[in-house]
């Protein structure tokens, strides 16, 4: 598992460096030079020490360059990991944003459709209510006319009944008159 904080990275680098490189006294070139230096004395020793210092300096510079390259590579790897993580996060955020935008668009469309349907339904309902009101008014007018006609019909029936009674009385009177006339004529024709 890779370390996360700067301190952990520093400790990790130190530990890996210690594990990778032995201490200065244990480096094979240093041990070899030390052995050669022990056998010399005087001016030769000074010249040898100078060349030894130059070789050590060159070796140190080479190691330092390798460390820099390694550090740069690690930094670039870390930057690549961070960049790829950021890219993934950005892609995820973009996907979430697009999904949210799509959901918002669908919701707006559904709301406008519902509003349109509601307005249409409201218009239909108002038209139906107007039609029902007109039908009720027509029914009330028809009921009134029917009641008037029924009243007139009752009056006509009553009048018809009265006329029939009068007619029956008139017939009876005529019959009685005919009977009387017949009786009178028969009495008159008898000697």
Foldseek 3Di string as FASTA:
>chain_A
DDDDDPVSVVVVVVVVVCVVDPDPCPDVLNVVLVVVLVVDDDPVNVVSVVVSVVVVVVVVVVVVVVVVVVVVVVVVVVVVVVVVVVVVVVVVVVVVVVVVVVVVVVVVVVVVVVVVVVVVVVVVVVVVVVVVVVVVVVVVVVVVVVVVVVVVVVVVVVVVVVVVVVVVVVVVVVVVVVVVVVVVVVVVPDD
